Each structure stands twice: as C-alpha cells, then as structure tokens.
Amino acid sequence: MRSIRVLALMEATFITGPAKNLLQYAEFGSRSQPSVKMHVATIRRFTDPPIR
C-alpha cells in the first residue's frame, strides 16, 4: 500500500495552534494505514531575532 506524502511550509517563531496540529497529525499519521510521511520546512525572516 502506498503512503500519503505531505509537504508543509510554515512560518512560525513558536509552536502554536496550526503548528501543534500539524505535529499531532504527523504523530497520528505515522501509526495509521496507509502511513503518512511528513516533511516540514520552517521559514525564518532575516528580520527575526536569532534563536538561542
């Protein structure tokens, strides 16, 4: 059976509602049939403060 592939692009400084939902879906999807393969890219603007 083929897996479902998801690509998510999100701009976020903190893990809030939308990002948290995406992570929970990835966790659930890894245990489901067909499996879900999640790829997430985070985007930071050059004006954002550095992450420490």
C-alpha atoms as a PDB file:
ATOM      1  CA  MET A   1       0.000   0.000   0.000  1.00  0.00           C
ATOM      2  CA  ARG A   2       1.295   3.466  -0.859  1.00  0.00           C
ATOM      3  CA  SER A   3       1.920   6.048   1.806  1.00  0.00           C
ATOM      4  CA  ILE A   4       0.439   9.525   1.876  1.00  0.00           C
ATOM      5  CA  ARG A   5       3.085  12.227   1.482  1.00  0.00           C
ATOM      6  CA  VAL A   6       2.568  15.690   2.970  1.00  0.00           C
ATOM      7  CA  LEU A   7       4.759  18.753   2.489  1.00  0.00           C
ATOM      8  CA  ALA A   8       4.083  21.593   4.908  1.00  0.00           C
ATOM      9  CA  LEU A   9       5.618  25.058   4.783  1.00  0.00           C
ATOM     10  CA  MET A  10       5.012  27.149   7.868  1.00  0.00           C
ATOM     11  CA  GLU A  11       6.274  30.474   9.107  1.00  0.00           C
ATOM     12  CA  ALA A  12       6.296  30.382  12.883  1.00  0.00           C
ATOM     13  CA  THR A  13       8.527  31.525  15.712  1.00  0.00           C
ATOM     14  CA  PHE A  14       6.743  29.397  18.311  1.00  0.00           C
ATOM     15  CA  ILE A  15       4.763  26.156  18.225  1.00  0.00           C
ATOM     16  CA  THR A  16       1.195  27.427  18.422  1.00  0.00           C
ATOM     17  CA  GLY A  17      -2.188  26.202  17.168  1.00  0.00           C
ATOM     18  CA  PRO A  18      -1.512  25.447  13.471  1.00  0.00           C
ATOM     19  CA  ALA A  19       1.999  24.068  14.057  1.00  0.00           C
ATOM     20  CA  LYS A  20       0.844  21.966  17.007  1.00  0.00           C
ATOM     21  CA  ASN A  21      -1.998  20.496  14.936  1.00  0.00           C
ATOM     22  CA  LEU A  22       0.447  19.638  12.155  1.00  0.00           C
ATOM     23  CA  LEU A  23       2.797  17.843  14.583  1.00  0.00           C
ATOM     24  CA  GLN A  24      -0.103  15.910  16.129  1.00  0.00           C
ATOM     25  CA  TYR A  25      -1.274  14.868  12.661  1.00  0.00           C
ATOM     26  CA  ALA A  26       2.245  13.679  11.809  1.00  0.00           C
ATOM     27  CA  GLU A  27       2.340  11.596  15.008  1.00  0.00           C
ATOM     28  CA  PHE A  28      -1.065  10.056  14.315  1.00  0.00           C
ATOM     29  CA  GLY A  29      -0.272   9.514  10.645  1.00  0.00           C
ATOM     30  CA  SER A  30       2.886   7.566  11.397  1.00  0.00           C
ATOM     31  CA  ARG A  31       0.750   4.909  13.124  1.00  0.00           C
ATOM     32  CA  SER A  32      -2.088   4.787  10.589  1.00  0.00           C
ATOM     33  CA  GLN A  33      -2.631   2.733   7.456  1.00  0.00           C
ATOM     34  CA  PRO A  34      -1.758   3.905   4.879  1.00  0.00           C
ATOM     35  CA  SER A  35       1.160   5.571   6.613  1.00  0.00           C
ATOM     36  CA  VAL A  36       1.746   9.305   6.340  1.00  0.00           C
ATOM     37  CA  LYS A  37       5.210  10.651   5.532  1.00  0.00           C
ATOM     38  CA  MET A  38       5.536  14.232   6.681  1.00  0.00           C
ATOM     39  CA  HIS A  39       8.110  16.763   5.501  1.00  0.00           C
ATOM     40  CA  VAL A  40       8.087  20.131   7.249  1.00  0.00           C
ATOM     41  CA  ALA A  41      10.127  23.203   6.324  1.00  0.00           C
ATOM     42  CA  THR A  42      10.345  26.130   8.687  1.00  0.00           C
ATOM     43  CA  ILE A  43      10.838  29.623   7.340  1.00  0.00           C
ATOM     44  CA  ARG A  44      12.531  32.438   9.216  1.00  0.00           C
ATOM     45  CA  ARG A  45      12.694  36.010   8.004  1.00  0.00           C
ATOM     46  CA  PHE A  46      16.057  37.743   8.141  1.00  0.00           C
ATOM     47  CA  THR A  47      14.472  40.337  10.452  1.00  0.00           C
ATOM     48  CA  ASP A  48      13.555  37.698  13.070  1.00  0.00           C
ATOM     49  CA  PRO A  49      15.690  37.614  16.222  1.00  0.00           C
ATOM     50  CA  PRO A  50      18.234  34.775  16.428  1.00  0.00           C
ATOM     51  CA  ILE A  51      17.135  31.503  18.031  1.00  0.00           C
ATOM     52  CA  ARG A  52      19.076  30.696  21.204  1.00  0.00           C
END
